[in-house]
Amino acid sequence: MIKMSVYYPADGGSKFDHDYYRTRHMPLIQERLGDACLRYEIDKGLAGREPGSAPQFVAACHIYAPTLGTFQEAFAPHRAEIAADVANYTDIAPIVQISEIVGG
């Protein structure tokens, strides 16, 4: 199983609409990916390591797929549509990482 994680740095921009992200963007991705999206999670940053410190990221998402190939094949035809929707909720340039789940 793989996980694609998308992180939105707290110092990376001026807006992030958590409601839009939760109710529109992530459901769009799930719909477009179909069975390639086993599930997804959304994180909303609350705090940093030290008490009272700001979070490093305002938000993150994690999309789980059976294999890298399955994910890439399902995502490719919708890449432009998904990328265009980003402007509806943020001006932050995301950090993306795809990982293999090796424990759990």
Protein backbone atom coordinates (compact mmCIF):
# COMPACT_ATOMS: atom_id res chain seq x y z
CA MET A 1 0.00 0.00 0.00
CA ILE A 2 1.14 3.55 -0.68
CA LYS A 3 0.26 6.90 0.81
CA MET A 4 0.41 10.23 -0.96
CA SER A 5 0.79 13.02 1.59
CA VAL A 6 0.27 16.68 0.76
CA TYR A 7 1.49 19.22 3.34
CA TYR A 8 0.61 22.93 3.38
CA PRO A 9 3.31 24.94 5.23
CA ALA A 10 1.98 27.46 7.75
CA ASP A 11 4.32 30.16 6.43
CA GLY A 12 3.62 29.37 2.78
CA GLY A 13 0.72 31.69 2.01
CA SER A 14 -2.13 33.77 3.29
CA LYS A 15 -5.23 31.60 2.99
CA PHE A 16 -6.50 28.09 3.56
CA ASP A 17 -10.23 27.31 3.49
CA HIS A 18 -10.51 24.16 5.63
CA ASP A 19 -14.24 23.83 4.99
CA TYR A 20 -13.83 23.86 1.19
CA TYR A 21 -10.93 21.42 1.45
CA ARG A 22 -12.98 19.01 3.57
CA THR A 23 -16.31 19.28 1.77
CA ARG A 24 -15.31 19.86 -1.88
CA HIS A 25 -11.65 19.23 -2.77
CA MET A 26 -11.01 15.92 -1.05
CA PRO A 27 -14.38 14.43 -2.12
CA LEU A 28 -13.51 15.50 -5.70
CA ILE A 29 -10.24 13.57 -5.48
CA GLN A 30 -11.95 10.51 -4.01
CA GLU A 31 -14.57 10.56 -6.77
CA ARG A 32 -12.03 10.94 -9.57
CA LEU A 33 -9.68 8.25 -8.22
CA GLY A 34 -12.46 5.73 -7.63
CA ASP A 35 -11.18 2.39 -6.32
CA ALA A 36 -7.59 3.69 -6.42
CA CYS A 37 -8.45 5.79 -3.34
CA LEU A 38 -8.87 3.27 -0.55
CA ARG A 39 -9.40 6.10 1.93
CA TYR A 40 -8.10 9.53 2.85
CA GLU A 41 -7.41 11.54 5.97
CA ILE A 42 -7.27 15.29 6.53
CA ASP A 43 -5.13 16.94 9.20
CA LYS A 44 -5.68 20.47 10.50
CA GLY A 45 -2.60 21.91 12.22
CA LEU A 46 -3.14 22.89 15.85
CA ALA A 47 0.27 23.40 17.46
CA GLY A 48 3.98 22.83 17.13
CA ARG A 49 6.33 20.78 19.27
CA GLU A 50 6.54 23.26 22.14
CA PRO A 51 3.46 24.25 24.14
CA GLY A 52 1.97 27.42 22.70
CA SER A 53 3.96 27.23 19.46
CA ALA A 54 2.38 27.47 16.03
CA PRO A 55 2.03 24.39 13.81
CA GLN A 56 4.49 23.85 10.97
CA PHE A 57 1.61 23.04 8.61
CA VAL A 58 -1.90 24.52 8.44
CA ALA A 59 -3.18 21.31 6.87
CA ALA A 60 -2.23 18.00 5.32
CA CYS A 61 -3.97 15.15 3.59
CA HIS A 62 -3.04 11.52 3.16
CA ILE A 63 -4.49 9.45 0.32
CA TYR A 64 -4.08 5.68 0.52
CA ALA A 65 -3.91 3.53 -2.62
CA PRO A 66 -3.15 -0.14 -3.29
CA THR A 67 0.00 0.50 -5.37
CA LEU A 68 1.95 3.40 -6.84
CA GLY A 69 1.01 2.32 -10.36
CA THR A 70 -2.69 2.13 -9.52
CA PHE A 71 -2.58 5.60 -7.97
CA GLN A 72 -0.66 7.19 -10.84
CA GLU A 73 -2.90 5.61 -13.49
CA ALA A 74 -6.06 6.84 -11.75
CA PHE A 75 -4.69 10.31 -10.97
CA ALA A 76 -3.13 11.18 -14.34
CA PRO A 77 -6.34 11.86 -16.32
CA HIS A 78 -7.59 14.22 -13.59
CA ARG A 79 -4.35 16.01 -12.67
CA ALA A 80 -5.26 19.30 -14.40
CA GLU A 81 -8.77 19.43 -12.90
CA ILE A 82 -7.51 18.68 -9.39
CA ALA A 83 -4.65 21.19 -9.68
CA ALA A 84 -7.04 23.89 -10.93
CA ASP A 85 -9.27 23.38 -7.89
CA VAL A 86 -6.42 24.23 -5.47
CA ALA A 87 -6.92 27.97 -6.05
CA ASN A 88 -10.42 27.61 -4.57
CA TYR A 89 -9.05 26.89 -1.09
CA THR A 90 -5.43 28.06 -0.81
CA ASP A 91 -2.54 30.09 -2.18
CA ILE A 92 0.00 27.86 -0.41
CA ALA A 93 2.40 25.81 -2.54
CA PRO A 94 2.08 22.27 -1.17
CA ILE A 95 4.81 19.78 -0.37
CA VAL A 96 4.02 16.31 -1.77
CA GLN A 97 5.49 12.97 -0.76
CA ILE A 98 4.53 9.46 -1.83
CA SER A 99 5.48 6.75 0.65
CA GLU A 100 5.22 3.00 0.91
CA ILE A 101 3.42 1.86 4.06
CA VAL A 102 5.82 -0.59 5.69
CA GLY A 103 4.33 -0.93 9.17
CA GLY A 104 1.23 -0.27 11.11
